[in-house]
C-alpha atoms as a PDB file:
ATOM      1  CA  MET A   1      32.883  28.226 -30.406  1.00  0.00           C
ATOM      2  CA  MET A   2      31.784  26.334 -27.268  1.00  0.00           C
ATOM      3  CA  PRO A   3      31.261  28.395 -24.098  1.00  0.00           C
ATOM      4  CA  ARG A   4      33.696  27.709 -21.253  1.00  0.00           C
ATOM      5  CA  PHE A   5      32.412  27.055 -17.760  1.00  0.00           C
ATOM      6  CA  ARG A   6      34.304  27.381 -14.536  1.00  0.00           C
ATOM      7  CA  CYS A   7      33.447  24.715 -11.941  1.00  0.00           C
ATOM      8  CA  LEU A   8      33.086  25.560  -8.271  1.00  0.00           C
ATOM      9  CA  PRO A   9      33.707  23.066  -5.447  1.00  0.00           C
ATOM     10  CA  ALA A  10      30.602  21.007  -4.652  1.00  0.00           C
ATOM     11  CA  LEU A  11      28.646  21.848  -1.521  1.00  0.00           C
ATOM     12  CA  VAL A  12      26.881  18.937   0.122  1.00  0.00           C
ATOM     13  CA  VAL A  13      24.027  19.620   2.524  1.00  0.00           C
ATOM     14  CA  LEU A  14      22.404  16.846   4.534  1.00  0.00           C
ATOM     15  CA  ILE A  15      18.835  17.479   5.652  1.00  0.00           C
ATOM     16  CA  PRO A  16      17.495  14.876   8.068  1.00  0.00           C
ATOM     17  CA  LEU A  17      13.993  13.620   7.301  1.00  0.00           C
ATOM     18  CA  ALA A  18      11.323  14.051   9.940  1.00  0.00           C
ATOM     19  CA  GLY A  19      11.613  11.296  12.497  1.00  0.00           C
ATOM     20  CA  CYS A  20      15.023  10.166  11.192  1.00  0.00           C
ATOM     21  CA  GLU A  21      18.221  10.166  13.169  1.00  0.00           C
ATOM     22  CA  ILE A  22      21.675  10.718  11.719  1.00  0.00           C
ATOM     23  CA  ARG A  23      24.706   9.310  13.547  1.00  0.00           C
ATOM     24  CA  ASP A  24      28.331   9.156  12.564  1.00  0.00           C
ATOM     25  CA  ALA A  25      30.227   5.920  12.065  1.00  0.00           C
ATOM     26  CA  GLN A  26      32.169   6.285  15.338  1.00  0.00           C
ATOM     27  CA  ARG A  27      29.008   6.289  17.483  1.00  0.00           C
ATOM     28  CA  GLY A  28      27.238   3.599  15.475  1.00  0.00           C
ATOM     29  CA  SER A  29      23.986   3.669  13.558  1.00  0.00           C
ATOM     30  CA  PRO A  30      20.559   3.581  15.188  1.00  0.00           C
ATOM     31  CA  ALA A  31      18.787   0.257  15.547  1.00  0.00           C
ATOM     32  CA  ALA A  32      16.464  -0.727  12.714  1.00  0.00           C
ATOM     33  CA  PRO A  33      12.773  -0.615  13.624  1.00  0.00           C
ATOM     34  CA  PRO A  34      11.277  -3.991  14.563  1.00  0.00           C
ATOM     35  CA  VAL A  35       9.303  -5.937  11.975  1.00  0.00           C
ATOM     36  CA  GLU A  36       5.853  -7.099  13.108  1.00  0.00           C
ATOM     37  CA  TYR A  37       3.966  -9.735  11.083  1.00  0.00           C
ATOM     38  CA  VAL A  38       0.208  -9.380  11.534  1.00  0.00           C
ATOM     39  CA  THR A  39      -2.484 -11.878  10.578  1.00  0.00           C
ATOM     40  CA  SER A  40      -6.163 -11.788  11.466  1.00  0.00           C
ATOM     41  CA  GLU A  41      -7.919 -14.950  12.596  1.00  0.00           C
ATOM     42  CA  SER A  42      -9.758 -15.236   9.267  1.00  0.00           C
ATOM     43  CA  MET A  43      -6.437 -15.223   7.369  1.00  0.00           C
ATOM     44  CA  ALA A  44      -4.412 -17.420   9.732  1.00  0.00           C
ATOM     45  CA  GLN A  45      -4.442 -20.431   7.363  1.00  0.00           C
ATOM     46  CA  LEU A  46      -3.089 -18.477   4.363  1.00  0.00           C
ATOM     47  CA  PRO A  47       0.608 -18.726   3.412  1.00  0.00           C
ATOM     48  CA  PHE A  48       1.278 -14.990   3.963  1.00  0.00           C
ATOM     49  CA  SER A  49       0.749 -12.259   6.516  1.00  0.00           C
ATOM     50  CA  GLU A  50      -2.240  -9.942   6.219  1.00  0.00           C
ATOM     51  CA  ALA A  51       0.105  -7.047   6.956  1.00  0.00           C
ATOM     52  CA  VAL A  52       3.658  -6.271   7.983  1.00  0.00           C
ATOM     53  CA  ARG A  53       4.458  -3.268  10.145  1.00  0.00           C
ATOM     54  CA  VAL A  54       7.928  -1.724  10.053  1.00  0.00           C
ATOM     55  CA  GLY A  55       8.267   1.391  12.169  1.00  0.00           C
ATOM     56  CA  SER A  56       5.522   3.802  11.152  1.00  0.00           C
ATOM     57  CA  MET A  57       4.686   1.978   7.895  1.00  0.00           C
ATOM     58  CA  LEU A  58       2.105  -0.739   7.342  1.00  0.00           C
ATOM     59  CA  TYR A  59       2.374  -2.918   4.226  1.00  0.00           C
ATOM     60  CA  LEU A  60      -0.837  -4.784   3.369  1.00  0.00           C
ATOM     61  CA  SER A  61      -0.883  -7.961   1.318  1.00  0.00           C
ATOM     62  CA  GLY A  62      -3.023  -7.866  -1.803  1.00  0.00           C
ATOM     63  CA  ALA A  63      -6.758  -8.010  -1.100  1.00  0.00           C
ATOM     64  CA  ILE A  64      -9.434  -9.440  -3.358  1.00  0.00           C
ATOM     65  CA  GLY A  65     -13.191  -8.992  -3.208  1.00  0.00           C
ATOM     66  CA  THR A  66     -14.090 -11.833  -0.891  1.00  0.00           C
ATOM     67  CA  ASP A  67     -16.949 -11.558   1.564  1.00  0.00           C
ATOM     68  CA  PRO A  68     -15.308 -11.933   4.999  1.00  0.00           C
ATOM     69  CA  SER A  69     -18.212 -14.031   6.296  1.00  0.00           C
ATOM     70  CA  THR A  70     -18.060 -16.635   3.507  1.00  0.00           C
ATOM     71  CA  GLY A  71     -14.587 -16.348   1.993  1.00  0.00           C
ATOM     72  CA  GLN A  72     -16.219 -16.326  -1.449  1.00  0.00           C
ATOM     73  CA  LEU A  73     -15.862 -13.650  -4.119  1.00  0.00           C
ATOM     74  CA  VAL A  74     -18.796 -11.265  -4.177  1.00  0.00           C
ATOM     75  CA  GLU A  75     -20.994 -11.351  -7.269  1.00  0.00           C
ATOM     76  CA  GLY A  76     -21.681  -8.398  -9.527  1.00  0.00           C
ATOM     77  CA  GLY A  77     -18.514  -7.937 -11.577  1.00  0.00           C
ATOM     78  CA  ILE A  78     -15.653  -5.498 -11.316  1.00  0.00           C
ATOM     79  CA  ALA A  79     -17.550  -2.702  -9.511  1.00  0.00           C
ATOM     80  CA  ALA A  80     -18.862  -5.001  -6.772  1.00  0.00           C
ATOM     81  CA  GLU A  81     -15.469  -6.694  -6.366  1.00  0.00           C
ATOM     82  CA  THR A  82     -13.653  -3.345  -6.177  1.00  0.00           C
ATOM     83  CA  ARG A  83     -16.073  -2.082  -3.515  1.00  0.00           C
ATOM     84  CA  GLN A  84     -15.526  -5.251  -1.459  1.00  0.00           C
ATOM     85  CA  VAL A  85     -11.732  -5.079  -1.921  1.00  0.00           C
ATOM     86  CA  MET A  86     -11.701  -1.506  -0.627  1.00  0.00           C
ATOM     87  CA  GLU A  87     -13.925  -2.432   2.338  1.00  0.00           C
ATOM     88  CA  ASN A  88     -11.556  -5.320   3.127  1.00  0.00           C
ATOM     89  CA  ILE A  89      -8.589  -2.926   2.948  1.00  0.00           C
ATOM     90  CA  ARG A  90     -10.365  -0.399   5.186  1.00  0.00           C
ATOM     91  CA  ALA A  91     -11.042  -3.125   7.786  1.00  0.00           C
ATOM     92  CA  SER A  92      -7.432  -4.335   7.700  1.00  0.00           C
ATOM     93  CA  LEU A  93      -6.094  -0.794   8.078  1.00  0.00           C
ATOM     94  CA  GLU A  94      -8.391  -0.110  11.043  1.00  0.00           C
ATOM     95  CA  ARG A  95      -7.441  -3.413  12.742  1.00  0.00           C
ATOM     96  CA  ASN A  96      -3.835  -2.295  12.482  1.00  0.00           C
ATOM     97  CA  GLY A  97      -4.068   1.283  13.722  1.00  0.00           C
ATOM     98  CA  SER A  98      -4.372   3.102  10.409  1.00  0.00           C
ATOM     99  CA  GLY A  99      -7.093   4.264   8.030  1.00  0.00           C
ATOM    100  CA  MET A 100      -7.889   5.138   4.436  1.00  0.00           C
ATOM    101  CA  ASP A 101      -6.703   8.719   4.984  1.00  0.00           C
ATOM    102  CA  ARG A 102      -3.226   7.407   5.826  1.00  0.00           C
ATOM    103  CA  VAL A 103      -2.718   5.300   2.670  1.00  0.00           C
ATOM    104  CA  VAL A 104       0.302   6.539   0.718  1.00  0.00           C
ATOM    105  CA  LYS A 105       0.576   4.017  -2.141  1.00  0.00           C
ATOM    106  CA  CYS A 106      -1.562   1.336  -3.808  1.00  0.00           C
ATOM    107  CA  LEU A 107      -0.958  -1.242  -6.506  1.00  0.00           C
ATOM    108  CA  VAL A 108      -4.004  -2.345  -8.511  1.00  0.00           C
ATOM    109  CA  MET A 109      -3.895  -5.615 -10.459  1.00  0.00           C
ATOM    110  CA  LEU A 110      -6.702  -6.278 -12.920  1.00  0.00           C
ATOM    111  CA  ALA A 111      -7.565  -9.534 -14.670  1.00  0.00           C
ATOM    112  CA  ASP A 112      -8.597  -7.353 -17.638  1.00  0.00           C
ATOM    113  CA  ILE A 113      -7.002  -3.905 -17.934  1.00  0.00           C
ATOM    114  CA  ALA A 114     -10.023  -2.836 -20.017  1.00  0.00           C
ATOM    115  CA  GLU A 115     -11.969  -2.820 -16.708  1.00  0.00           C
ATOM    116  CA  TRP A 116      -9.721  -0.046 -15.333  1.00  0.00           C
ATOM    117  CA  PRO A 117     -12.344   2.734 -15.783  1.00  0.00           C
ATOM    118  CA  ALA A 118     -15.063   0.778 -13.937  1.00  0.00           C
ATOM    119  CA  MET A 119     -12.642  -0.142 -11.139  1.00  0.00           C
ATOM    120  CA  ASN A 120     -11.450   3.459 -10.893  1.00  0.00           C
ATOM    121  CA  ASP A 121     -15.022   4.801 -10.571  1.00  0.00           C
ATOM    122  CA  VAL A 122     -15.375   2.847  -7.310  1.00  0.00           C
ATOM    123  CA  TYR A 123     -11.760   3.179  -6.096  1.00  0.00           C
ATOM    124  CA  VAL A 124     -11.772   7.008  -6.039  1.00  0.00           C
ATOM    125  CA  THR A 125     -14.835   7.120  -3.759  1.00  0.00           C
ATOM    126  CA  PHE A 126     -12.680   5.642  -0.957  1.00  0.00           C
ATOM    127  CA  PHE A 127     -10.219   8.554  -1.169  1.00  0.00           C
ATOM    128  CA  PRO A 128     -12.285  11.776  -1.109  1.00  0.00           C
ATOM    129  CA  GLY A 129      -9.232  13.876  -0.155  1.00  0.00           C
ATOM    130  CA  PRO A 130      -5.731  13.647  -1.591  1.00  0.00           C
ATOM    131  CA  LYS A 131      -5.239  10.426  -3.526  1.00  0.00           C
ATOM    132  CA  PRO A 132      -2.383   8.037  -2.701  1.00  0.00           C
ATOM    133  CA  ALA A 133       0.252   7.281  -5.315  1.00  0.00           C
ATOM    134  CA  ARG A 134      -0.906   4.327  -7.412  1.00  0.00           C
ATOM    135  CA  SER A 135       0.167   1.879 -10.074  1.00  0.00           C
ATOM    136  CA  ALA A 136      -2.165  -0.331 -12.105  1.00  0.00           C
ATOM    137  CA  MET A 137      -1.448  -3.308 -14.316  1.00  0.00           C
ATOM    138  CA  GLY A 138      -3.162  -6.108 -16.150  1.00  0.00           C
ATOM    139  CA  ALA A 139      -2.551  -9.665 -14.923  1.00  0.00           C
ATOM    140  CA  SER A 140      -3.045 -13.003 -16.622  1.00  0.00           C
ATOM    141  CA  GLY A 141      -4.920 -14.339 -13.614  1.00  0.00           C
ATOM    142  CA  LEU A 142      -5.703 -13.551  -9.974  1.00  0.00           C
ATOM    143  CA  ALA A 143      -6.458 -15.748  -6.954  1.00  0.00           C
ATOM    144  CA  LEU A 144      -9.918 -17.379  -6.892  1.00  0.00           C
ATOM    145  CA  GLY A 145     -10.640 -15.970 -10.370  1.00  0.00           C
ATOM    146  CA  ALA A 146     -10.902 -12.425  -8.983  1.00  0.00           C
ATOM    147  CA  ARG A 147     -11.265  -9.470 -11.371  1.00  0.00           C
ATOM    148  CA  VAL A 148      -9.190  -7.119  -9.165  1.00  0.00           C
ATOM    149  CA  GLU A 149      -6.571  -7.312  -6.416  1.00  0.00           C
ATOM    150  CA  ILE A 150      -5.253  -4.252  -4.574  1.00  0.00           C
ATOM    151  CA  GLU A 151      -2.378  -3.880  -2.138  1.00  0.00           C
ATOM    152  CA  CYS A 152      -1.649  -0.747  -0.113  1.00  0.00           C
ATOM    153  CA  MET A 153       0.962   0.874   2.080  1.00  0.00           C
ATOM    154  CA  ALA A 154      -0.106   3.219   4.867  1.00  0.00           C
ATOM    155  CA  ARG A 155       1.281   5.194   7.811  1.00  0.00           C
ATOM    156  CA  VAL A 156       0.469   4.038  11.351  1.00  0.00           C
ATOM    157  CA  GLY A 157       1.051   5.428  14.818  1.00  0.00           C
ATOM    158  CA  PRO A 158       0.806   9.060  15.912  1.00  0.00           C
ATOM    159  CA  ALA A 159      -0.221  11.525  13.200  1.00  0.00           C
END
């Protein structure tokens, strides 16, 4: 014999998120935060923005291991490229009012997923505290023949 359950009316509780504003339909909704497209001088000729800022979030485009002074991929394989990628990300974050300690999510794309352990050995050294959420995937090819490309999302503005 199946047990019988008695249902109670549902109770809905709304908890506003920090920094969010709730308004009813009669008063109208708050304005959406402005979108700011950011590009450094060295990336001005590329067909995408280096970063996009929306409110307190900064979305970085994927970075590869190019030497900023030459625009060429660094030599030395996956470890050297990963180190350069992370330095490029750090510089972009700092130019845009953020830092490595404010990264909340990364996406790692690898030309060969078998290189994940070697990439990871370098990647984790850039996040000595809590690690951001992360996804990783293998790709059939990356720009300029890179071995790794990483994109990140980070908080900006007051802590």
